[in-house]
Amino acid sequence: MKADPASQRRLLGLQQIDTAAARLERRVQTLPLHETIASLAARRSGAADDVTAAETRRSDAEAALAKAEDSVKAVRERLTRDQQRVESGQMDAKALASMVDEVDHLKGRVGVLEDAELAAMEALEQAEAAVVAAAARARDVEQGLRTAVGEREAAVAAAKTEMAGLRGRRQAAVGDLPGELVTLYDRLRGRYSGVGVGEFQGNRCTACGLEATAADRARYDGAPADEVLRCAECERILVRPAS
């Protein structure tokens, strides 16, 4: 393939643009914010589960307290009725003695149930505090996630703007280059990790960094200036220094 030496050298500038674009894409793909967001999203799911679990425990505590209150109320009502019967003086001695024993028993039972009611109230307070704490943690995670997503969107938007500029520069760079030369460069760039051209400097190809043999150097030096050379080591386009 033949191409004007100046056109061949302009490939080096095109390679710089393409390399910058590739680095920009990798930078966007490897933003630490991606991992941060994934971690926060997982934490948000866990925080939501914690809130649900805390709310369930609160519901159970509310039910336990309601049951304890009903039990206390029922025994108190029975105790009141029995005390009224004792105080009425309308029972014989045997029935009265039995009723007095029952009243004593109910008083003890009320004490036990009141202790249970107090414990249920304390358990409910703890459950409610756990709900508040879990909800606060969930809000913190959600806020952190929103902040991280916003930062990522801003970074991606800035990268898109930068990429648009690089595309514009590339379009201008290839505008007056021979189409066949650009096609070869793009094909090699796709084949060899995004690098399609190197410059021959200090007896080395800058694309692969390998030193030319004496025979290859003689071939490079003897080739016409407009001949498009290929590196003998990496097969990329090899641009000779300007004479």
C-alpha atoms as a PDB file:
ATOM      1  CA  MET A   1       0.000   0.000   0.000  1.00  0.00           C
ATOM      2  CA  LYS A   2       1.167   3.513  -0.810  1.00  0.00           C
ATOM      3  CA  ALA A   3       0.340   6.675   1.125  1.00  0.00           C
ATOM      4  CA  ASP A   4       1.870  10.099   1.436  1.00  0.00           C
ATOM      5  CA  PRO A   5       4.385  10.163   4.332  1.00  0.00           C
ATOM      6  CA  ALA A   6       2.551  13.126   5.866  1.00  0.00           C
ATOM      7  CA  SER A   7      -0.692  11.102   5.855  1.00  0.00           C
ATOM      8  CA  GLN A   8       1.095   8.211   7.499  1.00  0.00           C
ATOM      9  CA  ARG A   9       2.386  10.500  10.245  1.00  0.00           C
ATOM     10  CA  ARG A  10      -1.103  11.862  10.832  1.00  0.00           C
ATOM     11  CA  LEU A  11      -2.096   8.313  11.772  1.00  0.00           C
ATOM     12  CA  LEU A  12      -0.027   8.811  14.930  1.00  0.00           C
ATOM     13  CA  GLY A  13      -2.258  11.719  15.940  1.00  0.00           C
ATOM     14  CA  LEU A  14      -5.329   9.631  15.138  1.00  0.00           C
ATOM     15  CA  GLN A  15      -3.957   6.877  17.351  1.00  0.00           C
ATOM     16  CA  GLN A  16      -3.574   9.365  20.210  1.00  0.00           C
ATOM     17  CA  ILE A  17      -7.225  10.336  19.857  1.00  0.00           C
ATOM     18  CA  ASP A  18      -8.368   6.700  19.747  1.00  0.00           C
ATOM     19  CA  THR A  19      -6.186   5.807  22.719  1.00  0.00           C
ATOM     20  CA  ALA A  20      -7.662   8.708  24.701  1.00  0.00           C
ATOM     21  CA  ALA A  21     -11.177   7.539  23.800  1.00  0.00           C
ATOM     22  CA  ALA A  22     -10.388   3.968  24.873  1.00  0.00           C
ATOM     23  CA  ARG A  23      -8.952   5.179  28.174  1.00  0.00           C
ATOM     24  CA  LEU A  24     -12.026   7.311  28.729  1.00  0.00           C
ATOM     25  CA  GLU A  25     -14.308   4.327  28.139  1.00  0.00           C
ATOM     26  CA  ARG A  26     -12.306   2.202  30.568  1.00  0.00           C
ATOM     27  CA  ARG A  27     -12.378   5.001  33.121  1.00  0.00           C
ATOM     28  CA  VAL A  28     -16.159   5.141  32.932  1.00  0.00           C
ATOM     29  CA  GLN A  29     -16.474   1.361  33.085  1.00  0.00           C
ATOM     30  CA  THR A  30     -14.212   1.111  36.129  1.00  0.00           C
ATOM     31  CA  LEU A  31     -15.522   4.052  38.132  1.00  0.00           C
ATOM     32  CA  PRO A  32     -15.263   3.194  41.853  1.00  0.00           C
ATOM     33  CA  LEU A  33     -18.801   4.556  42.111  1.00  0.00           C
ATOM     34  CA  HIS A  34     -20.073   1.453  40.316  1.00  0.00           C
ATOM     35  CA  GLU A  35     -18.927  -0.726  43.222  1.00  0.00           C
ATOM     36  CA  THR A  36     -20.126   1.828  45.746  1.00  0.00           C
ATOM     37  CA  ILE A  37     -23.588   1.844  44.210  1.00  0.00           C
ATOM     38  CA  ALA A  38     -23.737  -1.949  44.029  1.00  0.00           C
ATOM     39  CA  SER A  39     -22.735  -2.167  47.690  1.00  0.00           C
ATOM     40  CA  LEU A  40     -25.271   0.458  48.735  1.00  0.00           C
ATOM     41  CA  ALA A  41     -28.001  -1.231  46.704  1.00  0.00           C
ATOM     42  CA  ALA A  42     -27.302  -4.489  48.550  1.00  0.00           C
ATOM     43  CA  ARG A  43     -27.285  -2.612  51.855  1.00  0.00           C
ATOM     44  CA  ARG A  44     -30.578  -0.951  50.951  1.00  0.00           C
ATOM     45  CA  SER A  45     -32.152  -4.352  50.439  1.00  0.00           C
ATOM     46  CA  GLY A  46     -30.771  -5.535  53.772  1.00  0.00           C
ATOM     47  CA  ALA A  47     -31.909  -2.339  55.491  1.00  0.00           C
ATOM     48  CA  ALA A  48     -35.423  -2.791  54.094  1.00  0.00           C
ATOM     49  CA  ASP A  49     -35.448  -6.359  55.447  1.00  0.00           C
ATOM     50  CA  ASP A  50     -34.311  -5.030  58.831  1.00  0.00           C
ATOM     51  CA  VAL A  51     -37.176  -2.518  58.866  1.00  0.00           C
ATOM     52  CA  THR A  52     -39.680  -5.230  57.972  1.00  0.00           C
ATOM     53  CA  ALA A  53     -38.309  -7.523  60.697  1.00  0.00           C
ATOM     54  CA  ALA A  54     -38.393  -4.685  63.259  1.00  0.00           C
ATOM     55  CA  GLU A  55     -41.962  -3.806  62.309  1.00  0.00           C
ATOM     56  CA  THR A  56     -42.957  -7.457  62.639  1.00  0.00           C
ATOM     57  CA  ARG A  57     -41.439  -7.609  66.127  1.00  0.00           C
ATOM     58  CA  ARG A  58     -43.277  -4.412  67.027  1.00  0.00           C
ATOM     59  CA  SER A  59     -46.531  -5.891  65.792  1.00  0.00           C
ATOM     60  CA  ASP A  60     -45.921  -9.012  67.866  1.00  0.00           C
ATOM     61  CA  ALA A  61     -45.120  -6.832  70.890  1.00  0.00           C
ATOM     62  CA  GLU A  62     -48.322  -4.845  70.391  1.00  0.00           C
ATOM     63  CA  ALA A  63     -50.311  -8.073  70.240  1.00  0.00           C
ATOM     64  CA  ALA A  64     -48.583  -9.383  73.375  1.00  0.00           C
ATOM     65  CA  LEU A  65     -49.325  -6.159  75.248  1.00  0.00           C
ATOM     66  CA  ALA A  66     -52.954  -6.194  74.144  1.00  0.00           C
ATOM     67  CA  LYS A  67     -53.267  -9.783  75.366  1.00  0.00           C
ATOM     68  CA  ALA A  68     -51.625  -8.905  78.693  1.00  0.00           C
ATOM     69  CA  GLU A  69     -53.949  -5.906  79.126  1.00  0.00           C
ATOM     70  CA  ASP A  70     -57.002  -8.049  78.372  1.00  0.00           C
ATOM     71  CA  SER A  71     -55.886 -10.649  80.905  1.00  0.00           C
ATOM     72  CA  VAL A  72     -55.376  -8.023  83.607  1.00  0.00           C
ATOM     73  CA  LYS A  73     -58.728  -6.457  82.809  1.00  0.00           C
ATOM     74  CA  ALA A  74     -60.558  -9.792  82.958  1.00  0.00           C
ATOM     75  CA  VAL A  75     -59.040 -10.797  86.308  1.00  0.00           C
ATOM     76  CA  ARG A  76     -59.633  -7.343  87.791  1.00  0.00           C
ATOM     77  CA  GLU A  77     -63.257  -7.449  86.755  1.00  0.00           C
ATOM     78  CA  ARG A  78     -63.658 -10.881  88.329  1.00  0.00           C
ATOM     79  CA  LEU A  79     -61.883  -9.684  91.464  1.00  0.00           C
ATOM     80  CA  THR A  80     -64.231  -6.685  91.697  1.00  0.00           C
ATOM     81  CA  ARG A  81     -67.281  -8.898  91.365  1.00  0.00           C
ATOM     82  CA  ASP A  82     -66.023 -11.323  94.024  1.00  0.00           C
ATOM     83  CA  GLN A  83     -65.169  -8.493  96.413  1.00  0.00           C
ATOM     84  CA  GLN A  84     -68.650  -7.052  95.964  1.00  0.00           C
ATOM     85  CA  ARG A  85     -70.177 -10.432  96.764  1.00  0.00           C
ATOM     86  CA  VAL A  86     -68.019 -10.739  99.875  1.00  0.00           C
ATOM     87  CA  GLU A  87     -68.993  -7.254 100.985  1.00  0.00           C
ATOM     88  CA  SER A  88     -72.698  -7.894 100.319  1.00  0.00           C
ATOM     89  CA  GLY A  89     -72.968 -10.215 103.333  1.00  0.00           C
ATOM     90  CA  GLN A  90     -75.419 -12.460 101.479  1.00  0.00           C
ATOM     91  CA  MET A  91     -73.375 -15.691 101.608  1.00  0.00           C
ATOM     92  CA  ASP A  92     -73.213 -18.332 104.290  1.00  0.00           C
ATOM     93  CA  ALA A  93     -69.984 -18.873 106.183  1.00  0.00           C
ATOM     94  CA  LYS A  94     -68.713 -21.722 104.006  1.00  0.00           C
ATOM     95  CA  ALA A  95     -69.362 -19.876 100.757  1.00  0.00           C
ATOM     96  CA  LEU A  96     -67.907 -16.718 102.233  1.00  0.00           C
ATOM     97  CA  ALA A  97     -64.694 -18.473 103.252  1.00  0.00           C
ATOM     98  CA  SER A  98     -64.353 -19.949  99.749  1.00  0.00           C
ATOM     99  CA  MET A  99     -64.959 -16.589  98.160  1.00  0.00           C
ATOM    100  CA  VAL A 100     -62.393 -14.895 100.422  1.00  0.00           C
ATOM    101  CA  ASP A 101     -59.825 -17.497  99.368  1.00  0.00           C
ATOM    102  CA  GLU A 102     -60.669 -16.812  95.731  1.00  0.00           C
ATOM    103  CA  VAL A 103     -60.313 -13.077  96.257  1.00  0.00           C
ATOM    104  CA  ASP A 104     -56.848 -13.593  97.773  1.00  0.00           C
ATOM    105  CA  HIS A 105     -55.906 -15.817  94.858  1.00  0.00           C
ATOM    106  CA  LEU A 106     -57.166 -13.246  92.330  1.00  0.00           C
ATOM    107  CA  LYS A 107     -55.211 -10.467  94.018  1.00  0.00           C
ATOM    108  CA  GLY A 108     -52.048 -12.510  93.623  1.00  0.00           C
ATOM    109  CA  ARG A 109     -53.004 -13.282  90.045  1.00  0.00           C
ATOM    110  CA  VAL A 110     -53.504  -9.591  89.281  1.00  0.00           C
ATOM    111  CA  GLY A 111     -50.014  -8.856  90.580  1.00  0.00           C
ATOM    112  CA  VAL A 112     -48.486 -11.508  88.332  1.00  0.00           C
ATOM    113  CA  LEU A 113     -50.431 -10.293  85.309  1.00  0.00           C
ATOM    114  CA  GLU A 114     -49.544  -6.671  85.994  1.00  0.00           C
ATOM    115  CA  ASP A 115     -45.864  -7.638  86.037  1.00  0.00           C
ATOM    116  CA  ALA A 116     -46.363  -9.391  82.705  1.00  0.00           C
ATOM    117  CA  GLU A 117     -48.179  -6.305  81.369  1.00  0.00           C
ATOM    118  CA  LEU A 118     -45.292  -4.075  82.434  1.00  0.00           C
ATOM    119  CA  ALA A 119     -42.802  -6.395  80.741  1.00  0.00           C
ATOM    120  CA  ALA A 120     -44.928  -6.333  77.576  1.00  0.00           C
ATOM    121  CA  MET A 121     -44.960  -2.532  77.656  1.00  0.00           C
ATOM    122  CA  GLU A 122     -41.171  -2.435  77.969  1.00  0.00           C
ATOM    123  CA  ALA A 123     -40.835  -4.934  75.136  1.00  0.00           C
ATOM    124  CA  LEU A 124     -43.057  -2.755  72.945  1.00  0.00           C
ATOM    125  CA  GLU A 125     -40.977   0.336  73.739  1.00  0.00           C
ATOM    126  CA  GLN A 126     -37.844  -1.538  72.734  1.00  0.00           C
ATOM    127  CA  ALA A 127     -39.506  -2.797  69.555  1.00  0.00           C
ATOM    128  CA  GLU A 128     -40.633   0.714  68.642  1.00  0.00           C
ATOM    129  CA  ALA A 129     -37.116   2.052  69.241  1.00  0.00           C
ATOM    130  CA  ALA A 130     -35.751  -0.718  66.999  1.00  0.00           C
ATOM    131  CA  VAL A 131     -38.162   0.315  64.234  1.00  0.00           C
ATOM    132  CA  VAL A 132     -37.046   3.936  64.515  1.00  0.00           C
ATOM    133  CA  ALA A 133     -33.368   2.933  64.411  1.00  0.00           C
ATOM    134  CA  ALA A 134     -33.861   0.561  61.457  1.00  0.00           C
ATOM    135  CA  ALA A 135     -35.811   3.204  59.547  1.00  0.00           C
ATOM    136  CA  ALA A 136     -33.051   5.762  60.213  1.00  0.00           C
ATOM    137  CA  ARG A 137     -30.409   3.358  58.915  1.00  0.00           C
ATOM    138  CA  ALA A 138     -32.524   2.680  55.837  1.00  0.00           C
ATOM    139  CA  ARG A 139     -32.863   6.410  55.177  1.00  0.00           C
ATOM    140  CA  ASP A 140     -29.106   6.905  55.533  1.00  0.00           C
ATOM    141  CA  VAL A 141     -28.401   4.110  53.059  1.00  0.00           C
ATOM    142  CA  GLU A 142     -30.991   5.456  50.641  1.00  0.00           C
ATOM    143  CA  GLN A 143     -29.514   8.940  50.840  1.00  0.00           C
ATOM    144  CA  GLY A 144     -26.032   7.561  50.303  1.00  0.00           C
ATOM    145  CA  LEU A 145     -27.235   5.599  47.304  1.00  0.00           C
ATOM    146  CA  ARG A 146     -28.940   8.615  45.763  1.00  0.00           C
ATOM    147  CA  THR A 147     -25.811  10.699  46.283  1.00  0.00           C
ATOM    148  CA  ALA A 148     -23.603   8.047  44.690  1.00  0.00           C
ATOM    149  CA  VAL A 149     -25.956   7.633  41.742  1.00  0.00           C
ATOM    150  CA  GLY A 150     -25.999  11.394  41.240  1.00  0.00           C
ATOM    151  CA  GLU A 151     -22.210  11.534  41.326  1.00  0.00           C
ATOM    152  CA  ARG A 152     -21.981   8.686  38.829  1.00  0.00           C
ATOM    153  CA  GLU A 153     -24.473  10.354  36.504  1.00  0.00           C
ATOM    154  CA  ALA A 154     -22.439  13.550  36.657  1.00  0.00           C
ATOM    155  CA  ALA A 155     -19.214  11.662  35.928  1.00  0.00           C
ATOM    156  CA  VAL A 156     -20.798   9.795  33.020  1.00  0.00           C
ATOM    157  CA  ALA A 157     -22.261  13.010  31.634  1.00  0.00           C
ATOM    158  CA  ALA A 158     -18.842  14.679  31.784  1.00  0.00           C
ATOM    159  CA  ALA A 159     -17.300  11.644  30.077  1.00  0.00           C
ATOM    160  CA  LYS A 160     -19.922  11.777  27.334  1.00  0.00           C
ATOM    161  CA  THR A 161     -19.098  15.417  26.713  1.00  0.00           C
ATOM    162  CA  GLU A 162     -15.407  14.587  26.568  1.00  0.00           C
ATOM    163  CA  MET A 163     -16.099  11.637  24.289  1.00  0.00           C
ATOM    164  CA  ALA A 164     -18.123  13.828  21.950  1.00  0.00           C
ATOM    165  CA  GLY A 165     -15.123  16.140  21.682  1.00  0.00           C
ATOM    166  CA  LEU A 166     -12.838  13.216  20.881  1.00  0.00           C
ATOM    167  CA  ARG A 167     -15.242  11.978  18.215  1.00  0.00           C
ATOM    168  CA  GLY A 168     -15.247  15.422  16.657  1.00  0.00           C
ATOM    169  CA  ARG A 169     -11.458  15.486  16.660  1.00  0.00           C
ATOM    170  CA  ARG A 170     -11.346  12.016  15.130  1.00  0.00           C
ATOM    171  CA  GLN A 171     -13.763  12.958  12.393  1.00  0.00           C
ATOM    172  CA  ALA A 172     -11.626  15.945  11.538  1.00  0.00           C
ATOM    173  CA  ALA A 173      -8.452  13.844  11.655  1.00  0.00           C
ATOM    174  CA  VAL A 174      -9.697  11.181   9.223  1.00  0.00           C
ATOM    175  CA  GLY A 175     -11.405  13.684   6.960  1.00  0.00           C
ATOM    176  CA  ASP A 176      -8.441  14.159   4.605  1.00  0.00           C
ATOM    177  CA  LEU A 177      -6.709  10.827   5.130  1.00  0.00           C
ATOM    178  CA  PRO A 178      -6.824   8.147   2.422  1.00  0.00           C
ATOM    179  CA  GLY A 179      -9.783   5.869   3.099  1.00  0.00           C
ATOM    180  CA  GLU A 180      -7.780   2.717   2.405  1.00  0.00           C
ATOM    181  CA  LEU A 181      -5.141   3.769   4.933  1.00  0.00           C
ATOM    182  CA  VAL A 182      -7.738   4.486   7.621  1.00  0.00           C
ATOM    183  CA  THR A 183      -9.461   1.160   6.914  1.00  0.00           C
ATOM    184  CA  LEU A 184      -6.186  -0.709   7.394  1.00  0.00           C
ATOM    185  CA  TYR A 185      -5.435   1.215  10.574  1.00  0.00           C
ATOM    186  CA  ASP A 186      -8.899   0.529  12.032  1.00  0.00           C
ATOM    187  CA  ARG A 187      -8.655  -3.161  11.177  1.00  0.00           C
ATOM    188  CA  LEU A 188      -5.276  -3.467  12.880  1.00  0.00           C
ATOM    189  CA  ARG A 189      -6.487  -1.432  15.835  1.00  0.00           C
ATOM    190  CA  GLY A 190      -9.396  -3.822  16.289  1.00  0.00           C
ATOM    191  CA  ARG A 191      -7.079  -6.802  16.088  1.00  0.00           C
ATOM    192  CA  TYR A 192      -4.276  -5.569  18.333  1.00  0.00           C
ATOM    193  CA  SER A 193      -5.756  -4.182  21.538  1.00  0.00           C
ATOM    194  CA  GLY A 194      -6.731  -0.806  20.149  1.00  0.00           C
ATOM    195  CA  VAL A 195      -3.309   0.072  18.709  1.00  0.00           C
ATOM    196  CA  GLY A 196      -2.986   0.049  14.931  1.00  0.00           C
ATOM    197  CA  VAL A 197       0.124   2.148  14.327  1.00  0.00           C
ATOM    198  CA  GLY A 198       3.519   2.772  15.866  1.00  0.00           C
ATOM    199  CA  GLU A 199       6.445   5.025  15.154  1.00  0.00           C
ATOM    200  CA  PHE A 200       9.921   3.756  14.397  1.00  0.00           C
ATOM    201  CA  GLN A 201      12.133   5.408  17.010  1.00  0.00           C
ATOM    202  CA  GLY A 202      15.576   4.424  18.169  1.00  0.00           C
ATOM    203  CA  ASN A 203      15.413   1.183  16.179  1.00  0.00           C
ATOM    204  CA  ARG A 204      12.217   0.203  17.981  1.00  0.00           C
ATOM    205  CA  CYS A 205       8.522   0.163  17.138  1.00  0.00           C
ATOM    206  CA  THR A 206       6.663   2.271  19.704  1.00  0.00           C
ATOM    207  CA  ALA A 207       3.585   0.065  19.309  1.00  0.00           C
ATOM    208  CA  CYS A 208       5.216  -3.148  20.523  1.00  0.00           C
ATOM    209  CA  GLY A 209       8.501  -1.841  21.947  1.00  0.00           C
ATOM    210  CA  LEU A 210      10.564  -4.502  20.175  1.00  0.00           C
ATOM    211  CA  GLU A 211      13.875  -3.712  18.502  1.00  0.00           C
ATOM    212  CA  ALA A 212      14.216  -4.314  14.780  1.00  0.00           C
ATOM    213  CA  THR A 213      16.731  -6.812  13.498  1.00  0.00           C
ATOM    214  CA  ALA A 214      19.474  -5.632  11.177  1.00  0.00           C
ATOM    215  CA  ALA A 215      17.671  -7.173   8.225  1.00  0.00           C
ATOM    216  CA  ASP A 216      14.366  -5.530   9.115  1.00  0.00           C
ATOM    217  CA  ARG A 217      16.077  -2.189   9.665  1.00  0.00           C
ATOM    218  CA  ALA A 218      17.669  -2.440   6.223  1.00  0.00           C
ATOM    219  CA  ARG A 219      14.274  -3.200   4.714  1.00  0.00           C
ATOM    220  CA  TYR A 220      12.677  -0.232   6.440  1.00  0.00           C
ATOM    221  CA  ASP A 221      15.478   2.107   5.354  1.00  0.00           C
ATOM    222  CA  GLY A 222      15.351   0.880   1.771  1.00  0.00           C
ATOM    223  CA  ALA A 223      11.585   1.203   1.341  1.00  0.00           C
ATOM    224  CA  PRO A 224      10.188   4.151  -0.620  1.00  0.00           C
ATOM    225  CA  ALA A 225       8.970   7.032   1.560  1.00  0.00           C
ATOM    226  CA  ASP A 226       5.360   6.528   0.486  1.00  0.00           C
ATOM    227  CA  GLU A 227       5.302   2.809   1.181  1.00  0.00           C
ATOM    228  CA  VAL A 228       3.144   1.858   4.147  1.00  0.00           C
ATOM    229  CA  LEU A 229       5.395  -0.357   6.227  1.00  0.00           C
ATOM    230  CA  ARG A 230       4.296  -3.011   8.729  1.00  0.00           C
ATOM    231  CA  CYS A 231       6.307  -3.825  11.835  1.00  0.00           C
ATOM    232  CA  ALA A 232       7.988  -7.178  11.366  1.00  0.00           C
ATOM    233  CA  GLU A 233       7.300  -8.031  15.032  1.00  0.00           C
ATOM    234  CA  CYS A 234       3.716  -6.868  15.677  1.00  0.00           C
ATOM    235  CA  GLU A 235       2.392  -6.308  12.131  1.00  0.00           C
ATOM    236  CA  ARG A 236       1.065  -2.840  12.944  1.00  0.00           C
ATOM    237  CA  ILE A 237       1.602   0.079  10.594  1.00  0.00           C
ATOM    238  CA  LEU A 238       5.093   1.421  11.170  1.00  0.00           C
ATOM    239  CA  VAL A 239       5.625   5.131  10.580  1.00  0.00           C
ATOM    240  CA  ARG A 240       9.181   6.248   9.924  1.00  0.00           C
ATOM    241  CA  PRO A 241      10.557   9.515  11.353  1.00  0.00           C
ATOM    242  CA  ALA A 242      10.082  12.576   9.189  1.00  0.00           C
ATOM    243  CA  SER A 243      13.119  13.199   7.021  1.00  0.00           C
END
